[in-house]
């Protein structure tokens, strides 16, 4: 396991984002762990998380054209990862997300 992976797991456990035990997921499947990214609820926590995601992206040798964050919890993850990639790895990728509902254009009112 790489150092950034160990740091991430230790931090996720300390923040209560990674919980070990017996869990029934929404799908009905049983799991020995549960991960709740919503527990990373501060700017500092999100910055650290984005840094680890950026390190994992680079370590995997990926070459994406953009980062996608599915609504809702994925949006800040993609954003934080994009910031960390630009800041720490000189890789400036755009990010996008999918709104769950359409909002009217203010000019159409």
N, C-alpha and C. Protein backbone atom coordinates (compact mmCIF):
# COMPACT_ATOMS: atom_id res chain seq x y z
N UNK A 1 0.85 -1.18 0.00
CA UNK A 1 0.00 0.00 0.00
C UNK A 1 0.89 1.24 0.00
N UNK A 2 0.54 2.23 -0.81
CA UNK A 2 1.31 3.46 -0.92
C UNK A 2 1.08 4.36 0.29
N UNK A 3 2.05 5.23 0.62
CA UNK A 3 1.89 6.10 1.79
C UNK A 3 0.62 6.94 1.77
N UNK A 4 0.25 7.50 0.61
CA UNK A 4 -0.96 8.33 0.58
C UNK A 4 -2.21 7.48 0.84
N UNK A 5 -2.17 6.21 0.50
CA UNK A 5 -3.31 5.33 0.77
C UNK A 5 -3.43 5.05 2.27
N UNK A 6 -2.31 4.82 2.93
CA UNK A 6 -2.33 4.60 4.39
C UNK A 6 -2.83 5.84 5.12
N UNK A 7 -2.32 7.01 4.69
CA UNK A 7 -2.74 8.27 5.32
C UNK A 7 -4.24 8.49 5.14
N UNK A 8 -4.74 8.21 3.95
CA UNK A 8 -6.16 8.39 3.66
C UNK A 8 -7.02 7.50 4.55
N UNK A 9 -6.66 6.23 4.66
CA UNK A 9 -7.44 5.30 5.47
C UNK A 9 -7.42 5.71 6.94
N UNK A 10 -6.26 6.07 7.45
CA UNK A 10 -6.16 6.50 8.85
C UNK A 10 -7.02 7.74 9.10
N UNK A 11 -6.97 8.69 8.18
CA UNK A 11 -7.75 9.92 8.32
C UNK A 11 -9.25 9.64 8.22
N UNK A 12 -9.64 8.80 7.27
CA UNK A 12 -11.06 8.45 7.11
C UNK A 12 -11.60 7.78 8.37
N UNK A 13 -10.81 6.91 8.98
CA UNK A 13 -11.22 6.28 10.24
C UNK A 13 -11.34 7.32 11.35
N UNK A 14 -10.36 8.21 11.45
CA UNK A 14 -10.37 9.23 12.50
C UNK A 14 -11.54 10.20 12.35
N UNK A 15 -11.95 10.49 11.12
CA UNK A 15 -13.06 11.41 10.86
C UNK A 15 -14.42 10.72 10.95
N UNK A 16 -14.43 9.40 11.10
CA UNK A 16 -15.69 8.67 11.13
C UNK A 16 -16.29 8.46 9.75
N UNK A 17 -15.53 8.75 8.70
CA UNK A 17 -16.02 8.55 7.34
C UNK A 17 -15.98 7.08 6.94
N UNK A 18 -15.00 6.36 7.45
CA UNK A 18 -14.87 4.93 7.20
C UNK A 18 -15.20 4.20 8.49
N UNK A 19 -16.25 3.41 8.44
CA UNK A 19 -16.67 2.65 9.61
C UNK A 19 -16.63 1.16 9.29
N UNK A 20 -16.12 0.40 10.23
CA UNK A 20 -16.02 -1.04 10.07
C UNK A 20 -17.10 -1.72 10.89
N UNK A 21 -17.65 -2.80 10.39
CA UNK A 21 -18.72 -3.51 11.09
C UNK A 21 -19.56 -4.27 10.08
N UNK A 22 -20.83 -4.44 10.41
CA UNK A 22 -21.76 -5.09 9.48
C UNK A 22 -22.81 -4.07 9.08
N UNK A 23 -22.90 -3.84 7.78
CA UNK A 23 -23.81 -2.82 7.27
C UNK A 23 -24.63 -3.40 6.13
N UNK A 24 -25.90 -2.99 6.08
CA UNK A 24 -26.75 -3.31 4.94
C UNK A 24 -26.85 -2.05 4.11
N UNK A 25 -26.38 -2.12 2.88
CA UNK A 25 -26.37 -0.97 1.99
C UNK A 25 -27.74 -0.75 1.37
N UNK A 26 -27.95 0.41 0.75
CA UNK A 26 -29.23 0.72 0.11
C UNK A 26 -29.63 -0.35 -0.90
N UNK A 27 -28.63 -0.97 -1.52
CA UNK A 27 -28.89 -2.02 -2.52
C UNK A 27 -29.36 -3.31 -1.87
N UNK A 28 -29.26 -3.39 -0.53
CA UNK A 28 -29.60 -4.61 0.18
C UNK A 28 -28.41 -5.51 0.43
N UNK A 29 -27.30 -5.20 -0.20
CA UNK A 29 -26.08 -5.99 -0.04
C UNK A 29 -25.47 -5.75 1.33
N UNK A 30 -24.90 -6.80 1.90
CA UNK A 30 -24.19 -6.71 3.17
C UNK A 30 -22.76 -6.28 2.91
N UNK A 31 -22.20 -5.45 3.80
CA UNK A 31 -20.83 -4.98 3.63
C UNK A 31 -20.12 -4.93 4.98
N UNK A 32 -18.82 -5.24 5.01
CA UNK A 32 -18.05 -5.18 6.26
C UNK A 32 -17.58 -3.76 6.58
N UNK A 33 -17.89 -2.79 5.72
CA UNK A 33 -17.51 -1.41 5.98
C UNK A 33 -18.53 -0.47 5.34
N UNK A 34 -18.52 0.78 5.80
CA UNK A 34 -19.37 1.81 5.23
C UNK A 34 -18.54 3.07 5.10
N UNK A 35 -18.59 3.72 3.94
CA UNK A 35 -17.84 4.95 3.70
C UNK A 35 -18.82 6.09 3.46
N UNK A 36 -18.71 7.14 4.27
CA UNK A 36 -19.57 8.32 4.15
C UNK A 36 -18.70 9.55 3.91
N UNK A 37 -18.53 9.94 2.65
CA UNK A 37 -17.70 11.10 2.30
C UNK A 37 -18.25 12.39 2.89
N UNK A 38 -19.51 12.40 3.26
CA UNK A 38 -20.11 13.58 3.87
C UNK A 38 -19.50 13.93 5.22
N UNK A 39 -18.77 13.00 5.81
CA UNK A 39 -18.11 13.26 7.10
C UNK A 39 -16.89 14.16 6.95
N UNK A 40 -16.42 14.35 5.73
CA UNK A 40 -15.33 15.30 5.48
C UNK A 40 -15.98 16.67 5.29
N UNK A 41 -16.40 17.29 6.39
CA UNK A 41 -17.29 18.44 6.32
C UNK A 41 -16.63 19.78 6.62
N UNK A 42 -15.31 19.86 6.53
CA UNK A 42 -14.63 21.15 6.73
C UNK A 42 -13.74 21.43 5.52
N UNK A 43 -13.35 22.67 5.38
CA UNK A 43 -12.46 23.03 4.29
C UNK A 43 -11.15 22.28 4.35
N UNK A 44 -10.59 22.17 5.56
CA UNK A 44 -9.31 21.47 5.72
C UNK A 44 -9.44 20.00 5.36
N UNK A 45 -10.54 19.38 5.80
CA UNK A 45 -10.75 17.96 5.49
C UNK A 45 -10.91 17.75 3.99
N UNK A 46 -11.67 18.63 3.35
CA UNK A 46 -11.89 18.50 1.91
C UNK A 46 -10.59 18.73 1.14
N UNK A 47 -9.77 19.67 1.60
CA UNK A 47 -8.48 19.92 0.95
C UNK A 47 -7.58 18.69 1.03
N UNK A 48 -7.55 18.06 2.20
CA UNK A 48 -6.73 16.84 2.35
C UNK A 48 -7.27 15.74 1.45
N UNK A 49 -8.58 15.58 1.44
CA UNK A 49 -9.19 14.54 0.61
C UNK A 49 -8.88 14.76 -0.87
N UNK A 50 -9.01 16.00 -1.33
CA UNK A 50 -8.68 16.31 -2.71
C UNK A 50 -7.23 15.99 -3.04
N UNK A 51 -6.34 16.25 -2.08
CA UNK A 51 -4.92 15.94 -2.28
C UNK A 51 -4.69 14.45 -2.44
N UNK A 52 -5.36 13.65 -1.63
CA UNK A 52 -5.20 12.19 -1.75
C UNK A 52 -5.80 11.67 -3.05
N UNK A 53 -6.96 12.20 -3.43
CA UNK A 53 -7.55 11.78 -4.70
C UNK A 53 -6.62 12.15 -5.86
N UNK A 54 -6.01 13.33 -5.80
CA UNK A 54 -5.08 13.76 -6.85
C UNK A 54 -3.87 12.83 -6.90
N UNK A 55 -3.34 12.46 -5.75
CA UNK A 55 -2.20 11.53 -5.72
C UNK A 55 -2.59 10.18 -6.31
N UNK A 56 -3.79 9.71 -5.98
CA UNK A 56 -4.26 8.43 -6.52
C UNK A 56 -4.43 8.52 -8.03
N UNK A 57 -4.95 9.64 -8.50
CA UNK A 57 -5.11 9.85 -9.94
C UNK A 57 -3.77 9.76 -10.64
N UNK A 58 -2.77 10.45 -10.12
CA UNK A 58 -1.44 10.46 -10.74
C UNK A 58 -0.79 9.07 -10.65
N UNK A 59 -0.92 8.41 -9.50
CA UNK A 59 -0.32 7.08 -9.32
C UNK A 59 -0.92 6.06 -10.28
N UNK A 60 -2.19 6.24 -10.63
CA UNK A 60 -2.86 5.31 -11.54
C UNK A 60 -2.50 5.56 -13.00
N UNK A 61 -1.83 6.68 -13.27
CA UNK A 61 -1.44 6.99 -14.65
C UNK A 61 -2.60 7.35 -15.56
N UNK A 62 -3.65 7.91 -14.98
CA UNK A 62 -4.84 8.26 -15.76
C UNK A 62 -4.59 9.49 -16.62
N UNK A 63 -5.35 9.59 -17.71
CA UNK A 63 -5.28 10.76 -18.59
C UNK A 63 -6.70 11.15 -18.98
N UNK A 64 -7.40 11.77 -18.07
CA UNK A 64 -8.78 12.18 -18.32
C UNK A 64 -8.84 13.55 -18.97
N UNK A 65 -9.95 13.81 -19.65
CA UNK A 65 -10.17 15.13 -20.23
C UNK A 65 -10.90 16.05 -19.26
N UNK A 66 -11.61 15.45 -18.29
CA UNK A 66 -12.28 16.23 -17.27
C UNK A 66 -12.60 15.34 -16.09
N UNK A 67 -12.84 15.96 -14.93
CA UNK A 67 -13.24 15.24 -13.73
C UNK A 67 -14.73 15.43 -13.55
N UNK A 68 -15.45 14.34 -13.26
CA UNK A 68 -16.89 14.40 -13.12
C UNK A 68 -17.28 14.09 -11.68
N UNK A 69 -18.11 14.94 -11.10
CA UNK A 69 -18.61 14.73 -9.75
C UNK A 69 -20.11 14.55 -9.76
N UNK A 70 -20.60 13.32 -9.56
CA UNK A 70 -22.05 13.11 -9.53
C UNK A 70 -22.68 13.79 -8.32
N UNK A 71 -23.86 14.37 -8.52
CA UNK A 71 -24.56 15.06 -7.43
C UNK A 71 -24.90 14.04 -6.34
N UNK A 72 -24.84 14.43 -5.13
CA UNK A 72 -24.38 15.69 -4.59
C UNK A 72 -22.97 15.57 -4.00
N UNK A 73 -22.67 14.49 -3.32
CA UNK A 73 -21.38 14.37 -2.64
C UNK A 73 -20.19 14.32 -3.58
N UNK A 74 -20.39 13.93 -4.82
CA UNK A 74 -19.29 13.86 -5.76
C UNK A 74 -18.84 15.22 -6.27
N UNK A 75 -19.70 16.23 -6.16
CA UNK A 75 -19.36 17.56 -6.67
C UNK A 75 -18.17 18.16 -5.93
N UNK A 76 -18.20 18.23 -4.59
CA UNK A 76 -17.02 18.78 -3.91
C UNK A 76 -15.78 17.89 -4.05
N UNK A 77 -15.97 16.59 -4.20
CA UNK A 77 -14.81 15.70 -4.39
C UNK A 77 -14.11 15.99 -5.72
N UNK A 78 -14.88 16.14 -6.79
CA UNK A 78 -14.28 16.45 -8.09
C UNK A 78 -13.63 17.83 -8.07
N UNK A 79 -14.29 18.78 -7.42
CA UNK A 79 -13.75 20.13 -7.33
C UNK A 79 -12.44 20.15 -6.55
N UNK A 80 -12.42 19.51 -5.39
CA UNK A 80 -11.21 19.47 -4.56
C UNK A 80 -10.08 18.74 -5.27
N UNK A 81 -10.41 17.70 -6.00
CA UNK A 81 -9.39 16.96 -6.75
C UNK A 81 -8.82 17.82 -7.86
N UNK A 82 -9.68 18.55 -8.57
CA UNK A 82 -9.21 19.44 -9.64
C UNK A 82 -8.28 20.51 -9.08
N UNK A 83 -8.63 21.08 -7.93
CA UNK A 83 -7.78 22.10 -7.30
C UNK A 83 -6.42 21.50 -6.93
N UNK A 84 -6.43 20.32 -6.31
CA UNK A 84 -5.18 19.67 -5.89
C UNK A 84 -4.32 19.28 -7.09
N UNK A 85 -4.94 18.80 -8.15
CA UNK A 85 -4.16 18.45 -9.35
C UNK A 85 -3.49 19.69 -9.94
N UNK A 86 -4.20 20.81 -9.97
CA UNK A 86 -3.63 22.05 -10.51
C UNK A 86 -2.53 22.58 -9.59
N UNK A 87 -2.79 22.59 -8.30
CA UNK A 87 -1.85 23.16 -7.33
C UNK A 87 -0.60 22.31 -7.16
N UNK A 88 -0.79 21.01 -7.00
CA UNK A 88 0.32 20.13 -6.61
C UNK A 88 0.97 19.38 -7.78
N UNK A 89 0.26 19.27 -8.90
CA UNK A 89 0.76 18.44 -10.00
C UNK A 89 0.81 19.18 -11.34
N UNK A 90 0.53 20.47 -11.32
CA UNK A 90 0.53 21.29 -12.54
C UNK A 90 -0.33 20.68 -13.64
N UNK A 91 -1.45 20.10 -13.25
CA UNK A 91 -2.39 19.49 -14.19
C UNK A 91 -3.73 20.21 -14.04
N UNK A 92 -4.08 21.02 -15.00
CA UNK A 92 -5.28 21.86 -14.92
C UNK A 92 -6.41 21.21 -15.71
N UNK A 93 -7.25 20.44 -15.02
CA UNK A 93 -8.37 19.75 -15.66
C UNK A 93 -9.68 20.45 -15.33
N UNK A 94 -10.61 20.52 -16.29
CA UNK A 94 -11.93 21.03 -15.97
C UNK A 94 -12.71 19.98 -15.17
N UNK A 95 -13.73 20.45 -14.46
CA UNK A 95 -14.60 19.52 -13.74
C UNK A 95 -16.05 19.85 -14.10
N UNK A 96 -16.92 18.85 -13.95
CA UNK A 96 -18.33 19.00 -14.28
C UNK A 96 -19.16 18.18 -13.30
N UNK A 97 -20.45 18.47 -13.27
CA UNK A 97 -21.37 17.71 -12.42
C UNK A 97 -22.73 17.65 -13.09
N UNK A 98 -23.57 16.78 -12.56
CA UNK A 98 -24.92 16.61 -13.09
C UNK A 98 -25.93 17.13 -12.08
N UNK A 99 -26.66 18.20 -12.41
CA UNK A 99 -27.69 18.66 -11.48
C UNK A 99 -28.82 17.63 -11.43
N UNK A 100 -29.35 17.41 -10.24
CA UNK A 100 -30.43 16.43 -10.11
C UNK A 100 -31.75 16.95 -10.64
N UNK A 101 -31.90 18.28 -10.67
CA UNK A 101 -33.14 18.83 -11.22
C UNK A 101 -32.80 20.09 -12.00
N UNK A 102 -33.62 20.37 -12.95
CA UNK A 102 -33.41 21.55 -13.78
C UNK A 102 -33.83 22.80 -13.01
N UNK A 103 -33.06 23.84 -13.15
CA UNK A 103 -33.40 25.14 -12.58
C UNK A 103 -33.69 26.07 -13.74
N UNK A 104 -34.76 26.87 -13.62
CA UNK A 104 -35.08 27.76 -14.74
C UNK A 104 -34.01 28.82 -14.93
N UNK A 105 -33.79 29.19 -16.16
CA UNK A 105 -32.85 30.25 -16.48
C UNK A 105 -33.48 31.57 -16.04
N UNK A 106 -32.76 32.40 -15.28
CA UNK A 106 -33.35 33.67 -14.82
C UNK A 106 -33.84 34.55 -15.96
N UNK A 107 -33.24 34.44 -17.14
CA UNK A 107 -33.66 35.26 -18.27
C UNK A 107 -34.99 34.80 -18.86
N UNK A 108 -35.42 33.57 -18.53
CA UNK A 108 -36.68 33.04 -19.05
C UNK A 108 -37.87 33.41 -18.18
N UNK A 109 -37.64 34.11 -17.10
CA UNK A 109 -38.75 34.44 -16.18
C UNK A 109 -39.54 35.61 -16.65
